[in-house]
Amino acid sequence: MVKLKIKECSFSYGSHPVLEKVTLEIKEGEMVSIIGPNGSGKSTLLRCICRVLQPGGGVIYLNGKDAARLNSRALARLLGYVPQSGAEVFPLTVFEAVLLGRKPYLNQC
């Protein structure tokens, strides 16, 4: 299980701030839901955690390590990200999409 700690994470789209000093700690084994109205920053926060977006401030820790310093393979072994839309870009079956989660564990040729 992955432990997640977010310290004062901030993110803006241009001059429009979306996340302002968000702090959160999720301990191993805890289940958490992120809820809120449309446009409140839920997806932006998840994209920052997965490094799809780079926060403008703050630090995100995965298992006690700064996520920004993890290489992409180490990050992929800890978490995965499936965007809400993307079927047009990656026409995969559900089974094929699930198998992609095994890629970080395969030996590179």
N, C-alpha and C. Protein backbone atom coordinates (compact mmCIF):
# COMPACT_ATOMS: atom_id res chain seq x y z
N MET A 1 0.84 -1.18 0.00
CA MET A 1 0.00 0.00 0.00
C MET A 1 0.89 1.25 0.00
N VAL A 2 0.46 2.25 -0.69
CA VAL A 2 1.21 3.49 -0.81
C VAL A 2 0.73 4.50 0.23
N LYS A 3 1.69 5.13 0.90
CA LYS A 3 1.38 6.23 1.80
C LYS A 3 1.54 7.52 1.01
N LEU A 4 0.62 8.43 1.19
CA LEU A 4 0.64 9.70 0.46
C LEU A 4 0.61 10.85 1.44
N LYS A 5 1.52 11.80 1.24
CA LYS A 5 1.52 13.01 2.06
C LYS A 5 1.71 14.20 1.12
N ILE A 6 0.82 15.15 1.22
CA ILE A 6 0.86 16.36 0.40
C ILE A 6 1.04 17.53 1.35
N LYS A 7 2.07 18.35 1.09
CA LYS A 7 2.33 19.52 1.94
C LYS A 7 2.24 20.78 1.10
N GLU A 8 1.21 21.56 1.36
CA GLU A 8 1.03 22.89 0.78
C GLU A 8 1.15 22.90 -0.75
N CYS A 9 0.46 21.98 -1.40
CA CYS A 9 0.46 21.88 -2.86
C CYS A 9 -0.38 23.00 -3.46
N SER A 10 0.19 23.70 -4.42
CA SER A 10 -0.51 24.77 -5.12
C SER A 10 -0.37 24.56 -6.62
N PHE A 11 -1.40 24.97 -7.35
CA PHE A 11 -1.36 24.88 -8.81
C PHE A 11 -2.29 25.93 -9.40
N SER A 12 -1.85 26.53 -10.49
CA SER A 12 -2.66 27.53 -11.20
C SER A 12 -2.64 27.22 -12.68
N TYR A 13 -3.76 27.45 -13.32
CA TYR A 13 -3.82 27.44 -14.79
C TYR A 13 -3.67 28.89 -15.21
N GLY A 14 -2.48 29.26 -15.63
CA GLY A 14 -2.21 30.66 -15.94
C GLY A 14 -2.34 31.49 -14.67
N SER A 15 -3.17 32.52 -14.71
CA SER A 15 -3.36 33.37 -13.54
C SER A 15 -4.53 32.91 -12.67
N HIS A 16 -5.14 31.77 -13.02
CA HIS A 16 -6.29 31.26 -12.27
C HIS A 16 -5.85 30.17 -11.28
N PRO A 17 -5.76 30.50 -9.98
CA PRO A 17 -5.37 29.49 -8.99
C PRO A 17 -6.47 28.44 -8.81
N VAL A 18 -6.06 27.18 -8.79
CA VAL A 18 -7.01 26.08 -8.62
C VAL A 18 -6.76 25.38 -7.28
N LEU A 19 -5.51 25.15 -6.95
CA LEU A 19 -5.14 24.55 -5.66
C LEU A 19 -4.30 25.57 -4.90
N GLU A 20 -4.64 25.80 -3.65
CA GLU A 20 -3.88 26.75 -2.84
C GLU A 20 -3.49 26.08 -1.52
N LYS A 21 -2.22 25.72 -1.42
CA LYS A 21 -1.63 25.15 -0.20
C LYS A 21 -2.44 23.98 0.36
N VAL A 22 -2.75 23.02 -0.50
CA VAL A 22 -3.48 21.81 -0.08
C VAL A 22 -2.54 20.92 0.72
N THR A 23 -2.97 20.52 1.89
CA THR A 23 -2.21 19.61 2.74
C THR A 23 -3.09 18.42 3.09
N LEU A 24 -2.51 17.22 2.94
CA LEU A 24 -3.28 15.99 3.12
C LEU A 24 -2.33 14.87 3.47
N GLU A 25 -2.73 14.00 4.35
CA GLU A 25 -1.93 12.81 4.64
C GLU A 25 -2.84 11.60 4.65
N ILE A 26 -2.48 10.60 3.85
CA ILE A 26 -3.22 9.35 3.79
C ILE A 26 -2.27 8.25 4.21
N LYS A 27 -2.60 7.60 5.30
CA LYS A 27 -1.73 6.55 5.83
C LYS A 27 -2.00 5.23 5.15
N GLU A 28 -1.05 4.34 5.27
CA GLU A 28 -1.17 3.01 4.67
C GLU A 28 -2.44 2.33 5.13
N GLY A 29 -3.22 1.80 4.18
CA GLY A 29 -4.45 1.09 4.48
C GLY A 29 -5.70 1.96 4.55
N GLU A 30 -5.53 3.28 4.58
CA GLU A 30 -6.70 4.16 4.62
C GLU A 30 -7.32 4.27 3.23
N MET A 31 -8.64 4.45 3.21
CA MET A 31 -9.36 4.71 1.97
C MET A 31 -9.90 6.12 2.05
N VAL A 32 -9.71 6.87 0.98
CA VAL A 32 -10.11 8.27 0.96
C VAL A 32 -10.84 8.56 -0.33
N SER A 33 -11.85 9.39 -0.26
CA SER A 33 -12.55 9.88 -1.45
C SER A 33 -12.32 11.38 -1.54
N ILE A 34 -12.10 11.84 -2.75
CA ILE A 34 -11.97 13.28 -2.98
C ILE A 34 -13.25 13.71 -3.67
N ILE A 35 -14.02 14.52 -2.97
CA ILE A 35 -15.32 14.94 -3.49
C ILE A 35 -15.40 16.46 -3.51
N GLY A 36 -16.24 16.98 -4.36
CA GLY A 36 -16.45 18.42 -4.43
C GLY A 36 -17.15 18.76 -5.73
N PRO A 37 -17.57 20.00 -5.85
CA PRO A 37 -18.28 20.41 -7.07
C PRO A 37 -17.36 20.46 -8.28
N ASN A 38 -17.96 20.50 -9.46
CA ASN A 38 -17.19 20.64 -10.70
C ASN A 38 -16.30 21.87 -10.60
N GLY A 39 -15.07 21.73 -11.07
CA GLY A 39 -14.15 22.86 -11.10
C GLY A 39 -13.48 23.18 -9.78
N SER A 40 -13.62 22.30 -8.79
CA SER A 40 -13.04 22.60 -7.47
C SER A 40 -11.59 22.14 -7.34
N GLY A 41 -11.05 21.41 -8.34
CA GLY A 41 -9.65 21.03 -8.32
C GLY A 41 -9.37 19.56 -8.03
N LYS A 42 -10.40 18.73 -8.00
CA LYS A 42 -10.20 17.30 -7.69
C LYS A 42 -9.28 16.64 -8.72
N SER A 43 -9.60 16.78 -9.98
CA SER A 43 -8.78 16.15 -11.04
C SER A 43 -7.41 16.80 -11.11
N THR A 44 -7.34 18.08 -10.89
CA THR A 44 -6.04 18.77 -10.90
C THR A 44 -5.15 18.23 -9.79
N LEU A 45 -5.70 18.00 -8.61
CA LEU A 45 -4.93 17.43 -7.52
C LEU A 45 -4.40 16.04 -7.89
N LEU A 46 -5.27 15.20 -8.45
CA LEU A 46 -4.84 13.86 -8.86
C LEU A 46 -3.76 13.93 -9.93
N ARG A 47 -3.89 14.86 -10.86
CA ARG A 47 -2.87 15.01 -11.91
C ARG A 47 -1.53 15.49 -11.33
N CYS A 48 -1.58 16.30 -10.29
CA CYS A 48 -0.35 16.72 -9.62
C CYS A 48 0.30 15.55 -8.89
N ILE A 49 -0.50 14.73 -8.23
CA ILE A 49 0.03 13.56 -7.52
C ILE A 49 0.73 12.62 -8.50
N CYS A 50 0.14 12.43 -9.68
CA CYS A 50 0.69 11.50 -10.69
C CYS A 50 1.75 12.15 -11.57
N ARG A 51 2.05 13.40 -11.35
CA ARG A 51 3.04 14.16 -12.12
C ARG A 51 2.63 14.41 -13.56
N VAL A 52 1.35 14.33 -13.84
CA VAL A 52 0.86 14.75 -15.15
C VAL A 52 0.96 16.28 -15.20
N LEU A 53 0.74 16.92 -14.05
CA LEU A 53 0.93 18.36 -13.90
C LEU A 53 1.99 18.59 -12.82
N GLN A 54 2.73 19.67 -12.95
CA GLN A 54 3.74 20.00 -11.95
C GLN A 54 3.21 21.10 -11.04
N PRO A 55 3.13 20.82 -9.74
CA PRO A 55 2.62 21.84 -8.82
C PRO A 55 3.49 23.10 -8.86
N GLY A 56 2.87 24.24 -8.63
CA GLY A 56 3.60 25.50 -8.56
C GLY A 56 4.24 25.71 -7.20
N GLY A 57 3.88 24.89 -6.25
CA GLY A 57 4.46 24.97 -4.91
C GLY A 57 4.07 23.76 -4.10
N GLY A 58 4.81 23.50 -3.05
CA GLY A 58 4.53 22.38 -2.18
C GLY A 58 5.28 21.13 -2.59
N VAL A 59 5.09 20.08 -1.81
CA VAL A 59 5.78 18.81 -2.04
C VAL A 59 4.78 17.68 -1.90
N ILE A 60 4.93 16.66 -2.75
CA ILE A 60 4.10 15.45 -2.68
C ILE A 60 5.03 14.28 -2.40
N TYR A 61 4.72 13.54 -1.32
CA TYR A 61 5.54 12.40 -0.92
C TYR A 61 4.76 11.11 -1.14
N LEU A 62 5.42 10.13 -1.72
CA LEU A 62 4.87 8.78 -1.87
C LEU A 62 5.79 7.85 -1.11
N ASN A 63 5.26 7.16 -0.12
CA ASN A 63 6.05 6.29 0.75
C ASN A 63 7.26 7.02 1.32
N GLY A 64 7.07 8.27 1.68
CA GLY A 64 8.13 9.05 2.31
C GLY A 64 9.15 9.66 1.36
N LYS A 65 8.99 9.43 0.05
CA LYS A 65 9.93 9.97 -0.94
C LYS A 65 9.27 11.07 -1.75
N ASP A 66 10.03 12.11 -2.04
CA ASP A 66 9.54 13.21 -2.86
C ASP A 66 9.19 12.67 -4.25
N ALA A 67 7.92 12.73 -4.63
CA ALA A 67 7.47 12.17 -5.91
C ALA A 67 8.16 12.84 -7.09
N ALA A 68 8.54 14.11 -6.94
CA ALA A 68 9.21 14.83 -8.03
C ALA A 68 10.59 14.26 -8.32
N ARG A 69 11.17 13.56 -7.36
CA ARG A 69 12.52 12.99 -7.53
C ARG A 69 12.52 11.53 -7.96
N LEU A 70 11.34 10.91 -8.02
CA LEU A 70 11.25 9.52 -8.46
C LEU A 70 11.35 9.44 -9.97
N ASN A 71 12.07 8.43 -10.47
CA ASN A 71 12.07 8.26 -11.93
C ASN A 71 10.71 7.69 -12.34
N SER A 72 10.43 7.76 -13.63
CA SER A 72 9.09 7.39 -14.10
C SER A 72 8.76 5.93 -13.80
N ARG A 73 9.73 5.04 -13.84
CA ARG A 73 9.47 3.63 -13.56
C ARG A 73 9.11 3.43 -12.09
N ALA A 74 9.85 4.07 -11.19
CA ALA A 74 9.57 3.95 -9.76
C ALA A 74 8.19 4.53 -9.44
N LEU A 75 7.86 5.64 -10.07
CA LEU A 75 6.54 6.24 -9.87
C LEU A 75 5.44 5.31 -10.37
N ALA A 76 5.65 4.71 -11.54
CA ALA A 76 4.65 3.81 -12.12
C ALA A 76 4.44 2.56 -11.28
N ARG A 77 5.45 2.16 -10.52
CA ARG A 77 5.29 1.01 -9.64
C ARG A 77 4.45 1.34 -8.42
N LEU A 78 4.36 2.62 -8.08
CA LEU A 78 3.59 3.03 -6.91
C LEU A 78 2.16 3.40 -7.22
N LEU A 79 1.92 3.97 -8.41
CA LEU A 79 0.56 4.40 -8.73
C LEU A 79 0.34 4.42 -10.23
N GLY A 80 -0.92 4.46 -10.59
CA GLY A 80 -1.31 4.53 -11.99
C GLY A 80 -2.35 5.61 -12.18
N TYR A 81 -2.46 6.08 -13.39
CA TYR A 81 -3.40 7.15 -13.69
C TYR A 81 -4.14 6.80 -14.97
N VAL A 82 -5.47 6.79 -14.90
CA VAL A 82 -6.30 6.56 -16.07
C VAL A 82 -7.17 7.79 -16.24
N PRO A 83 -6.94 8.58 -17.31
CA PRO A 83 -7.74 9.80 -17.49
C PRO A 83 -9.20 9.48 -17.76
N GLN A 84 -10.06 10.45 -17.50
CA GLN A 84 -11.50 10.26 -17.71
C GLN A 84 -11.80 10.00 -19.17
N SER A 85 -11.13 10.70 -20.05
CA SER A 85 -11.32 10.45 -21.48
C SER A 85 -9.96 10.11 -22.08
N GLY A 86 -9.98 9.39 -23.14
CA GLY A 86 -8.74 8.96 -23.74
C GLY A 86 -8.92 7.76 -24.64
N ALA A 87 -10.14 7.26 -24.69
CA ALA A 87 -10.42 6.09 -25.51
C ALA A 87 -10.10 6.36 -26.97
N GLU A 88 -10.22 7.63 -27.39
CA GLU A 88 -9.93 7.97 -28.78
C GLU A 88 -8.44 7.84 -29.06
N VAL A 89 -7.62 8.16 -28.06
CA VAL A 89 -6.17 8.13 -28.23
C VAL A 89 -5.63 6.71 -28.08
N PHE A 90 -6.15 5.97 -27.11
CA PHE A 90 -5.70 4.62 -26.83
C PHE A 90 -6.88 3.66 -26.92
N PRO A 91 -7.17 3.13 -28.10
CA PRO A 91 -8.32 2.22 -28.23
C PRO A 91 -7.98 0.83 -27.68
N LEU A 92 -8.08 0.68 -26.35
CA LEU A 92 -7.75 -0.58 -25.69
C LEU A 92 -9.00 -1.21 -25.09
N THR A 93 -8.95 -2.52 -24.96
CA THR A 93 -9.99 -3.19 -24.18
C THR A 93 -9.69 -2.96 -22.70
N VAL A 94 -10.63 -3.25 -21.84
CA VAL A 94 -10.40 -3.11 -20.40
C VAL A 94 -9.25 -4.02 -19.98
N PHE A 95 -9.22 -5.24 -20.50
CA PHE A 95 -8.16 -6.19 -20.17
C PHE A 95 -6.79 -5.63 -20.57
N GLU A 96 -6.68 -5.06 -21.76
CA GLU A 96 -5.41 -4.48 -22.22
C GLU A 96 -4.99 -3.30 -21.36
N ALA A 97 -5.95 -2.49 -20.95
CA ALA A 97 -5.64 -1.35 -20.09
C ALA A 97 -5.12 -1.82 -18.73
N VAL A 98 -5.73 -2.86 -18.17
CA VAL A 98 -5.27 -3.40 -16.89
C VAL A 98 -3.87 -3.98 -17.03
N LEU A 99 -3.59 -4.64 -18.13
CA LEU A 99 -2.25 -5.20 -18.35
C LEU A 99 -1.16 -4.13 -18.39
N LEU A 100 -1.51 -2.92 -18.78
CA LEU A 100 -0.51 -1.84 -18.81
C LEU A 100 0.09 -1.59 -17.42
N GLY A 101 -0.65 -1.92 -16.38
CA GLY A 101 -0.14 -1.77 -15.03
C GLY A 101 1.02 -2.69 -14.71
N ARG A 102 1.23 -3.70 -15.50
CA ARG A 102 2.35 -4.63 -15.30
C ARG A 102 3.64 -4.14 -15.96
N LYS A 103 3.56 -3.19 -16.88
CA LYS A 103 4.72 -2.74 -17.64
C LYS A 103 5.90 -2.31 -16.77
N PRO A 104 5.72 -1.57 -15.68
CA PRO A 104 6.87 -1.16 -14.89
C PRO A 104 7.65 -2.33 -14.26
N TYR A 105 7.05 -3.50 -14.24
CA TYR A 105 7.69 -4.67 -13.62
C TYR A 105 8.38 -5.57 -14.63
N LEU A 106 8.21 -5.28 -15.92
CA LEU A 106 8.83 -6.11 -16.95
C LEU A 106 10.28 -5.69 -17.20
N ASN A 107 11.12 -6.66 -17.54
CA ASN A 107 12.51 -6.35 -17.89
C ASN A 107 12.53 -5.62 -19.22
N GLN A 108 13.34 -4.58 -19.28
CA GLN A 108 13.47 -3.82 -20.53
C GLN A 108 14.47 -4.54 -21.43
N CYS A 109 14.16 -4.62 -22.72
CA CYS A 109 15.05 -5.29 -23.68
C CYS A 109 16.17 -4.35 -24.10
